[in-house]
Amino acid sequence: MQLIITRTAEKALRRMPGKDAAALIEKLKGYAQTGQGDVKKLVGQPYYRLRHGDWRAIFEIEGDVIVIRIAHRREVYE
Protein backbone atom coordinates (compact mmCIF):
# COMPACT_ATOMS: atom_id res chain seq x y z
CA MET A 1 0.00 0.00 0.00
CA GLN A 2 1.00 3.59 -0.52
CA LEU A 3 0.38 6.42 1.95
CA ILE A 4 -1.48 9.45 0.58
CA ILE A 5 -1.96 12.46 2.87
CA THR A 6 -4.58 15.07 1.99
CA ARG A 7 -3.84 18.78 2.07
CA THR A 8 -6.06 19.18 5.16
CA ALA A 9 -4.10 16.50 7.00
CA GLU A 10 -0.79 18.11 5.98
CA LYS A 11 -1.90 21.42 7.49
CA ALA A 12 -2.85 19.66 10.72
CA LEU A 13 0.58 18.00 10.86
CA ARG A 14 2.27 21.41 10.60
CA ARG A 15 0.26 22.67 13.59
CA MET A 16 1.17 19.66 15.76
CA PRO A 17 4.28 19.48 17.93
CA GLY A 18 7.11 18.25 15.68
CA LYS A 19 7.89 15.15 17.72
CA ASP A 20 4.26 13.98 17.66
CA ALA A 21 3.88 14.73 13.94
CA ALA A 22 6.99 12.70 13.09
CA ALA A 23 5.87 9.78 15.24
CA LEU A 24 2.37 9.80 13.72
CA ILE A 25 3.79 9.81 10.18
CA GLU A 26 6.06 6.87 11.05
CA LYS A 27 3.10 4.92 12.45
CA LEU A 28 1.07 5.65 9.31
CA LYS A 29 3.95 4.53 7.07
CA GLY A 30 4.34 1.38 9.14
CA TYR A 31 0.65 0.60 8.85
CA ALA A 32 0.71 1.19 5.08
CA GLN A 33 3.62 -1.25 4.73
CA THR A 34 2.64 -3.98 7.20
CA GLY A 35 -1.06 -3.52 7.95
CA GLN A 36 -0.25 -3.57 11.66
CA GLY A 37 -0.67 -0.88 14.29
CA ASP A 38 -3.14 0.63 16.73
CA VAL A 39 -5.89 0.85 14.09
CA LYS A 40 -9.62 0.36 14.56
CA LYS A 41 -12.59 0.66 12.22
CA LEU A 42 -14.98 3.44 13.19
CA VAL A 43 -18.52 2.26 13.93
CA GLY A 44 -21.07 3.19 11.27
CA GLN A 45 -18.48 4.86 9.01
CA PRO A 46 -16.19 3.63 6.24
CA TYR A 47 -13.14 5.09 8.01
CA TYR A 48 -10.41 3.80 10.30
CA ARG A 49 -8.44 5.57 13.00
CA LEU A 50 -4.80 5.33 14.02
CA ARG A 51 -3.86 6.51 17.48
CA HIS A 52 -0.70 8.21 18.74
CA GLY A 53 -1.01 9.55 22.28
CA ASP A 54 -3.68 12.27 22.21
CA TRP A 55 -3.58 12.53 18.40
CA ARG A 56 -5.70 10.64 15.89
CA ALA A 57 -5.44 10.08 12.14
CA ILE A 58 -8.71 9.25 10.37
CA PHE A 59 -8.29 7.47 7.06
CA GLU A 60 -9.86 5.19 4.50
CA ILE A 61 -8.39 2.28 2.61
CA GLU A 62 -9.05 2.12 -1.12
CA GLY A 63 -6.04 0.22 -2.38
CA ASP A 64 -3.88 2.91 -0.78
CA VAL A 65 -4.10 4.39 2.70
CA ILE A 66 -5.62 7.84 2.30
CA VAL A 67 -5.32 10.05 5.39
CA ILE A 68 -8.31 12.36 5.58
CA ARG A 69 -8.01 14.08 8.92
CA ILE A 70 -5.52 14.47 11.75
CA ALA A 71 -6.53 16.17 14.98
CA HIS A 72 -6.43 16.01 18.77
CA ARG A 73 -8.65 13.29 20.20
CA ARG A 74 -11.16 15.77 21.63
CA GLU A 75 -11.74 17.30 18.16
CA VAL A 76 -11.25 14.54 15.62
CA TYR A 77 -14.64 12.79 15.91
CA GLU A 78 -16.76 15.95 15.61
PDB file of N, CA and C in Angstrom:
ATOM      1  N   MET A   1       0.837  -1.188   0.000  1.00  0.00           N
ATOM      2  CA  MET A   1       0.000   0.000   0.000  1.00  0.00           C
ATOM      3  C   MET A   1       0.879   1.249   0.000  1.00  0.00           C
ATOM      4  N   GLN A   2       0.315   2.311  -0.492  1.00  0.00           N
ATOM      5  CA  GLN A   2       0.997   3.594  -0.523  1.00  0.00           C
ATOM      6  C   GLN A   2       0.255   4.547   0.403  1.00  0.00           C
ATOM      7  N   LEU A   3       0.977   5.438   1.039  1.00  0.00           N
ATOM      8  CA  LEU A   3       0.383   6.415   1.952  1.00  0.00           C
ATOM      9  C   LEU A   3       0.145   7.717   1.206  1.00  0.00           C
ATOM     10  N   ILE A   4      -1.110   8.175   1.211  1.00  0.00           N
ATOM     11  CA  ILE A   4      -1.477   9.448   0.584  1.00  0.00           C
ATOM     12  C   ILE A   4      -2.052  10.341   1.680  1.00  0.00           C
ATOM     13  N   ILE A   5      -1.508  11.536   1.832  1.00  0.00           N
ATOM     14  CA  ILE A   5      -1.965  12.463   2.869  1.00  0.00           C
ATOM     15  C   ILE A   5      -2.621  13.655   2.193  1.00  0.00           C
ATOM     16  N   THR A   6      -3.853  13.947   2.592  1.00  0.00           N
ATOM     17  CA  THR A   6      -4.579  15.071   1.995  1.00  0.00           C
ATOM     18  C   THR A   6      -3.988  16.397   2.451  1.00  0.00           C
ATOM     19  N   ARG A   7      -4.329  17.439   1.737  1.00  0.00           N
ATOM     20  CA  ARG A   7      -3.842  18.777   2.071  1.00  0.00           C
ATOM     21  C   ARG A   7      -4.300  19.194   3.474  1.00  0.00           C
ATOM     22  N   THR A   8      -5.534  18.852   3.834  1.00  0.00           N
ATOM     23  CA  THR A   8      -6.057  19.179   5.161  1.00  0.00           C
ATOM     24  C   THR A   8      -5.235  18.493   6.249  1.00  0.00           C
ATOM     25  N   ALA A   9      -4.897  17.234   6.024  1.00  0.00           N
ATOM     26  CA  ALA A   9      -4.102  16.497   7.001  1.00  0.00           C
ATOM     27  C   ALA A   9      -2.681  17.066   7.091  1.00  0.00           C
ATOM     28  N   GLU A  10      -2.122  17.495   5.967  1.00  0.00           N
ATOM     29  CA  GLU A  10      -0.785  18.110   5.979  1.00  0.00           C
ATOM     30  C   GLU A  10      -0.777  19.380   6.818  1.00  0.00           C
ATOM     31  N   LYS A  11      -1.813  20.186   6.688  1.00  0.00           N
ATOM     32  CA  LYS A  11      -1.902  21.415   7.486  1.00  0.00           C
ATOM     33  C   LYS A  11      -1.969  21.094   8.968  1.00  0.00           C
ATOM     34  N   ALA A  12      -2.738  20.061   9.313  1.00  0.00           N
ATOM     35  CA  ALA A  12      -2.848  19.663  10.719  1.00  0.00           C
ATOM     36  C   ALA A  12      -1.498  19.181  11.249  1.00  0.00           C
ATOM     37  N   LEU A  13      -0.739  18.471  10.435  1.00  0.00           N
ATOM     38  CA  LEU A  13       0.582  18.003  10.863  1.00  0.00           C
ATOM     39  C   LEU A  13       1.510  19.168  11.160  1.00  0.00           C
ATOM     40  N   ARG A  14       1.416  20.236  10.368  1.00  0.00           N
ATOM     41  CA  ARG A  14       2.274  21.411  10.598  1.00  0.00           C
ATOM     42  C   ARG A  14       1.927  22.125  11.902  1.00  0.00           C
ATOM     43  N   ARG A  15       0.682  22.016  12.352  1.00  0.00           N
ATOM     44  CA  ARG A  15       0.259  22.674  13.595  1.00  0.00           C
ATOM     45  C   ARG A  15       0.581  21.833  14.831  1.00  0.00           C
ATOM     46  N   MET A  16       0.859  20.560  14.639  1.00  0.00           N
ATOM     47  CA  MET A  16       1.168  19.661  15.761  1.00  0.00           C
ATOM     48  C   MET A  16       2.596  19.881  16.245  1.00  0.00           C
ATOM     49  N   PRO A  17       2.884  19.485  17.497  1.00  0.00           N
ATOM     50  CA  PRO A  17       4.281  19.482  17.935  1.00  0.00           C
ATOM     51  C   PRO A  17       5.092  18.565  17.008  1.00  0.00           C
ATOM     52  N   GLY A  18       6.291  18.974  16.646  1.00  0.00           N
ATOM     53  CA  GLY A  18       7.114  18.255  15.680  1.00  0.00           C
ATOM     54  C   GLY A  18       7.355  16.796  16.030  1.00  0.00           C
ATOM     55  N   LYS A  19       7.609  16.520  17.295  1.00  0.00           N
ATOM     56  CA  LYS A  19       7.890  15.153  17.723  1.00  0.00           C
ATOM     57  C   LYS A  19       6.668  14.250  17.507  1.00  0.00           C
ATOM     58  N   ASP A  20       5.483  14.759  17.840  1.00  0.00           N
ATOM     59  CA  ASP A  20       4.257  13.981  17.658  1.00  0.00           C
ATOM     60  C   ASP A  20       3.939  13.789  16.178  1.00  0.00           C
ATOM     61  N   ALA A  21       4.143  14.823  15.385  1.00  0.00           N
ATOM     62  CA  ALA A  21       3.877  14.728  13.943  1.00  0.00           C
ATOM     63  C   ALA A  21       4.778  13.676  13.303  1.00  0.00           C
ATOM     64  N   ALA A  22       6.047  13.678  13.648  1.00  0.00           N
ATOM     65  CA  ALA A  22       6.987  12.705  13.090  1.00  0.00           C
ATOM     66  C   ALA A  22       6.608  11.280  13.495  1.00  0.00           C
ATOM     67  N   ALA A  23       6.239  11.108  14.756  1.00  0.00           N
ATOM     68  CA  ALA A  23       5.867   9.776  15.240  1.00  0.00           C
ATOM     69  C   ALA A  23       4.588   9.282  14.562  1.00  0.00           C
ATOM     70  N   LEU A  24       3.626  10.174  14.371  1.00  0.00           N
ATOM     71  CA  LEU A  24       2.370   9.795  13.719  1.00  0.00           C
ATOM     72  C   LEU A  24       2.614   9.405  12.264  1.00  0.00           C
ATOM     73  N   ILE A  25       3.451  10.136  11.570  1.00  0.00           N
ATOM     74  CA  ILE A  25       3.787   9.807  10.184  1.00  0.00           C
ATOM     75  C   ILE A  25       4.463   8.438  10.114  1.00  0.00           C
ATOM     76  N   GLU A  26       5.388   8.167  11.040  1.00  0.00           N
ATOM     77  CA  GLU A  26       6.059   6.867  11.054  1.00  0.00           C
ATOM     78  C   GLU A  26       5.071   5.735  11.288  1.00  0.00           C
ATOM     79  N   LYS A  27       4.106   5.942  12.192  1.00  0.00           N
ATOM     80  CA  LYS A  27       3.100   4.917  12.446  1.00  0.00           C
ATOM     81  C   LYS A  27       2.221   4.700  11.213  1.00  0.00           C
ATOM     82  N   LEU A  28       1.865   5.780  10.524  1.00  0.00           N
ATOM     83  CA  LEU A  28       1.067   5.650   9.308  1.00  0.00           C
ATOM     84  C   LEU A  28       1.844   4.909   8.220  1.00  0.00           C
ATOM     85  N   LYS A  29       3.116   5.227   8.060  1.00  0.00           N
ATOM     86  CA  LYS A  29       3.951   4.530   7.072  1.00  0.00           C
ATOM     87  C   LYS A  29       4.064   3.050   7.422  1.00  0.00           C
ATOM     88  N   GLY A  30       4.251   2.765   8.694  1.00  0.00           N
ATOM     89  CA  GLY A  30       4.342   1.376   9.144  1.00  0.00           C
ATOM     90  C   GLY A  30       3.059   0.615   8.866  1.00  0.00           C
ATOM     91  N   TYR A  31       1.924   1.252   9.113  1.00  0.00           N
ATOM     92  CA  TYR A  31       0.645   0.597   8.846  1.00  0.00           C
ATOM     93  C   TYR A  31       0.463   0.367   7.346  1.00  0.00           C
ATOM     94  N   ALA A  32       0.846   1.334   6.538  1.00  0.00           N
ATOM     95  CA  ALA A  32       0.710   1.194   5.083  1.00  0.00           C
ATOM     96  C   ALA A  32       1.565   0.040   4.566  1.00  0.00           C
ATOM     97  N   GLN A  33       2.717  -0.191   5.178  1.00  0.00           N
ATOM     98  CA  GLN A  33       3.620  -1.252   4.726  1.00  0.00           C
ATOM     99  C   GLN A  33       3.241  -2.625   5.268  1.00  0.00           C
ATOM    100  N   THR A  34       2.855  -2.679   6.548  1.00  0.00           N
ATOM    101  CA  THR A  34       2.642  -3.976   7.197  1.00  0.00           C
ATOM    102  C   THR A  34       1.192  -4.303   7.493  1.00  0.00           C
ATOM    103  N   GLY A  35       0.335  -3.278   7.571  1.00  0.00           N
ATOM    104  CA  GLY A  35      -1.056  -3.523   7.950  1.00  0.00           C
ATOM    105  C   GLY A  35      -1.224  -3.717   9.447  1.00  0.00           C
ATOM    106  N   GLN A  36      -0.192  -3.405  10.222  1.00  0.00           N
ATOM    107  CA  GLN A  36      -0.252  -3.571  11.662  1.00  0.00           C
ATOM    108  C   GLN A  36      -0.074  -2.239  12.362  1.00  0.00           C
ATOM    109  N   GLY A  37      -0.766  -2.088  13.491  1.00  0.00           N
ATOM    110  CA  GLY A  37      -0.667  -0.877  14.286  1.00  0.00           C
ATOM    111  C   GLY A  37      -1.914  -0.716  15.131  1.00  0.00           C
ATOM    112  N   ASP A  38      -1.984   0.353  15.865  1.00  0.00           N
ATOM    113  CA  ASP A  38      -3.139   0.629  16.725  1.00  0.00           C
ATOM    114  C   ASP A  38      -4.253   1.239  15.869  1.00  0.00           C
ATOM    115  N   VAL A  39      -4.881   0.403  15.041  1.00  0.00           N
ATOM    116  CA  VAL A  39      -5.887   0.855  14.086  1.00  0.00           C
ATOM    117  C   VAL A  39      -7.202   0.159  14.387  1.00  0.00           C
ATOM    118  N   LYS A  40      -8.287   0.917  14.367  1.00  0.00           N
ATOM    119  CA  LYS A  40      -9.622   0.361  14.562  1.00  0.00           C
ATOM    120  C   LYS A  40     -10.565   0.960  13.535  1.00  0.00           C
ATOM    121  N   LYS A  41     -11.545   0.183  13.128  1.00  0.00           N
ATOM    122  CA  LYS A  41     -12.591   0.658  12.219  1.00  0.00           C
ATOM    123  C   LYS A  41     -13.579   1.477  13.035  1.00  0.00           C
ATOM    124  N   LEU A  42     -14.001   2.615  12.509  1.00  0.00           N
ATOM    125  CA  LEU A  42     -14.983   3.444  13.192  1.00  0.00           C
ATOM    126  C   LEU A  42     -16.373   2.871  12.954  1.00  0.00           C
ATOM    127  N   VAL A  43     -17.187   2.836  13.990  1.00  0.00           N
ATOM    128  CA  VAL A  43     -18.518   2.257  13.927  1.00  0.00           C
ATOM    129  C   VAL A  43     -19.428   3.119  13.061  1.00  0.00           C
ATOM    130  N   GLY A  44     -20.100   2.492  12.102  1.00  0.00           N
ATOM    131  CA  GLY A  44     -21.074   3.195  11.268  1.00  0.00           C
ATOM    132  C   GLY A  44     -20.468   4.110  10.227  1.00  0.00           C
ATOM    133  N   GLN A  45     -19.157   4.018   9.997  1.00  0.00           N
ATOM    134  CA  GLN A  45     -18.480   4.858   9.013  1.00  0.00           C
ATOM    135  C   GLN A  45     -17.499   3.995   8.228  1.00  0.00           C
ATOM    136  N   PRO A  46     -17.140   4.420   7.031  1.00  0.00           N
ATOM    137  CA  PRO A  46     -16.192   3.633   6.235  1.00  0.00           C
ATOM    138  C   PRO A  46     -14.728   3.942   6.572  1.00  0.00           C
ATOM    139  N   TYR A  47     -14.487   4.638   7.663  1.00  0.00           N
ATOM    140  CA  TYR A  47     -13.142   5.094   8.005  1.00  0.00           C
ATOM    141  C   TYR A  47     -12.517   4.265   9.115  1.00  0.00           C
ATOM    142  N   TYR A  48     -11.189   4.420   9.241  1.00  0.00           N
ATOM    143  CA  TYR A  48     -10.409   3.802  10.302  1.00  0.00           C
ATOM    144  C   TYR A  48      -9.692   4.902  11.057  1.00  0.00           C
ATOM    145  N   ARG A  49      -9.219   4.586  12.262  1.00  0.00           N
ATOM    146  CA  ARG A  49      -8.437   5.567  13.002  1.00  0.00           C
ATOM    147  C   ARG A  49      -7.146   4.932  13.485  1.00  0.00           C
ATOM    148  N   LEU A  50      -6.096   5.728  13.475  1.00  0.00           N
ATOM    149  CA  LEU A  50      -4.802   5.331  14.016  1.00  0.00           C
ATOM    150  C   LEU A  50      -4.493   6.284  15.156  1.00  0.00           C
ATOM    151  N   ARG A  51      -4.048   5.734  16.264  1.00  0.00           N
ATOM    152  CA  ARG A  51      -3.856   6.514  17.482  1.00  0.00           C
ATOM    153  C   ARG A  51      -2.383   6.699  17.796  1.00  0.00           C
ATOM    154  N   HIS A  52      -2.030   7.912  18.195  1.00  0.00           N
ATOM    155  CA  HIS A  52      -0.700   8.210  18.740  1.00  0.00           C
ATOM    156  C   HIS A  52      -0.891   9.183  19.892  1.00  0.00           C
ATOM    157  N   GLY A  53      -0.798   8.697  21.113  1.00  0.00           N
ATOM    158  CA  GLY A  53      -1.006   9.554  22.282  1.00  0.00           C
ATOM    159  C   GLY A  53      -2.378  10.202  22.230  1.00  0.00           C
ATOM    160  N   ASP A  54      -2.417  11.532  22.270  1.00  0.00           N
ATOM    161  CA  ASP A  54      -3.681  12.272  22.206  1.00  0.00           C
ATOM    162  C   ASP A  54      -4.076  12.617  20.782  1.00  0.00           C
ATOM    163  N   TRP A  55      -3.323  12.186  19.794  1.00  0.00           N
ATOM    164  CA  TRP A  55      -3.577  12.534  18.397  1.00  0.00           C
ATOM    165  C   TRP A  55      -4.178  11.353  17.649  1.00  0.00           C
ATOM    166  N   ARG A  56      -5.052  11.662  16.690  1.00  0.00           N
ATOM    167  CA  ARG A  56      -5.702  10.635  15.885  1.00  0.00           C
ATOM    168  C   ARG A  56      -5.586  10.968  14.413  1.00  0.00           C
ATOM    169  N   ALA A  57      -5.395   9.943  13.590  1.00  0.00           N
ATOM    170  CA  ALA A  57      -5.438  10.083  12.138  1.00  0.00           C
ATOM    171  C   ALA A  57      -6.643   9.277  11.667  1.00  0.00           C
ATOM    172  N   ILE A  58      -7.524   9.909  10.933  1.00  0.00           N
ATOM    173  CA  ILE A  58      -8.706   9.254  10.375  1.00  0.00           C
ATOM    174  C   ILE A  58      -8.412   9.011   8.893  1.00  0.00           C
ATOM    175  N   PHE A  59      -8.620   7.780   8.444  1.00  0.00           N
ATOM    176  CA  PHE A  59      -8.287   7.473   7.057  1.00  0.00           C
ATOM    177  C   PHE A  59      -9.203   6.406   6.490  1.00  0.00           C
ATOM    178  N   GLU A  60      -9.141   6.257   5.173  1.00  0.00           N
ATOM    179  CA  GLU A  60      -9.857   5.190   4.499  1.00  0.00           C
ATOM    180  C   GLU A  60      -8.858   4.372   3.697  1.00  0.00           C
ATOM    181  N   ILE A  61      -9.258   3.162   3.379  1.00  0.00           N
ATOM    182  CA  ILE A  61      -8.388   2.276   2.613  1.00  0.00           C
ATOM    183  C   ILE A  61      -9.096   1.941   1.306  1.00  0.00           C
ATOM    184  N   GLU A  62      -8.550   2.420   0.222  1.00  0.00           N
ATOM    185  CA  GLU A  62      -9.050   2.120  -1.118  1.00  0.00           C
ATOM    186  C   GLU A  62      -7.854   1.741  -1.973  1.00  0.00           C
ATOM    187  N   GLY A  63      -7.278   0.600  -1.707  1.00  0.00           N
ATOM    188  CA  GLY A  63      -6.039   0.218  -2.383  1.00  0.00           C
ATOM    189  C   GLY A  63      -4.846   0.857  -1.702  1.00  0.00           C
ATOM    190  N   ASP A  64      -4.910   2.157  -1.496  1.00  0.00           N
ATOM    191  CA  ASP A  64      -3.884   2.906  -0.779  1.00  0.00           C
ATOM    192  C   ASP A  64      -4.486   3.422   0.523  1.00  0.00           C
ATOM    193  N   VAL A  65      -3.640   3.777   1.464  1.00  0.00           N
ATOM    194  CA  VAL A  65      -4.103   4.393   2.705  1.00  0.00           C
ATOM    195  C   VAL A  65      -4.204   5.891   2.452  1.00  0.00           C
ATOM    196  N   ILE A  66      -5.398   6.426   2.560  1.00  0.00           N
ATOM    197  CA  ILE A  66      -5.621   7.836   2.305  1.00  0.00           C
ATOM    198  C   ILE A  66      -5.985   8.513   3.622  1.00  0.00           C
ATOM    199  N   VAL A  67      -5.093   9.366   4.124  1.00  0.00           N
ATOM    200  CA  VAL A  67      -5.321  10.049   5.391  1.00  0.00           C
ATOM    201  C   VAL A  67      -6.194  11.267   5.134  1.00  0.00           C
ATOM    202  N   ILE A  68      -7.339  11.306   5.804  1.00  0.00           N
ATOM    203  CA  ILE A  68      -8.309  12.358   5.576  1.00  0.00           C
ATOM    204  C   ILE A  68      -8.191  13.468   6.606  1.00  0.00           C
ATOM    205  N   ARG A  69      -7.994  13.078   7.855  1.00  0.00           N
ATOM    206  CA  ARG A  69      -8.006  14.083   8.917  1.00  0.00           C
ATOM    207  C   ARG A  69      -7.047  13.683  10.026  1.00  0.00           C
ATOM    208  N   ILE A  70      -6.365  14.667  10.577  1.00  0.00           N
ATOM    209  CA  ILE A  70      -5.519  14.466  11.747  1.00  0.00           C
ATOM    210  C   ILE A  70      -5.870  15.563  12.738  1.00  0.00           C
ATOM    211  N   ALA A  71      -6.150  15.176  13.972  1.00  0.00           N
ATOM    212  CA  ALA A  71      -6.528  16.166  14.984  1.00  0.00           C
ATOM    213  C   ALA A  71      -6.336  15.573  16.376  1.00  0.00           C
ATOM    214  N   HIS A  72      -6.470  16.432  17.385  1.00  0.00           N
ATOM    215  CA  HIS A  72      -6.435  16.007  18.773  1.00  0.00           C
ATOM    216  C   HIS A  72      -7.665  15.143  19.042  1.00  0.00           C
ATOM    217  N   ARG A  73      -7.566  14.228  19.962  1.00  0.00           N
ATOM    218  CA  ARG A  73      -8.655  13.285  20.198  1.00  0.00           C
ATOM    219  C   ARG A  73      -9.973  13.949  20.588  1.00  0.00           C
ATOM    220  N   ARG A  74      -9.914  15.104  21.219  1.00  0.00           N
ATOM    221  CA  ARG A  74     -11.164  15.770  21.627  1.00  0.00           C
ATOM    222  C   ARG A  74     -11.863  16.441  20.447  1.00  0.00           C
ATOM    223  N   GLU A  75     -11.162  16.597  19.317  1.00  0.00           N
ATOM    224  CA  GLU A  75     -11.736  17.299  18.163  1.00  0.00           C
ATOM    225  C   GLU A  75     -11.967  16.411  16.949  1.00  0.00           C
ATOM    226  N   VAL A  76     -11.290  15.290  16.868  1.00  0.00           N
ATOM    227  CA  VAL A  76     -11.255  14.537  15.623  1.00  0.00           C
ATOM    228  C   VAL A  76     -12.585  13.888  15.259  1.00  0.00           C
ATOM    229  N   TYR A  77     -13.405  13.513  16.206  1.00  0.00           N
ATOM    230  CA  TYR A  77     -14.637  12.794  15.913  1.00  0.00           C
ATOM    231  C   TYR A  77     -15.838  13.697  15.686  1.00  0.00           C
ATOM    232  N   GLU A  78     -15.639  14.986  15.756  1.00  0.00           N
ATOM    233  CA  GLU A  78     -16.757  15.951  15.607  1.00  0.00           C
ATOM    234  C   GLU A  78     -17.222  16.018  14.179  1.00  0.00           C
TER     235      GLU A  78
END
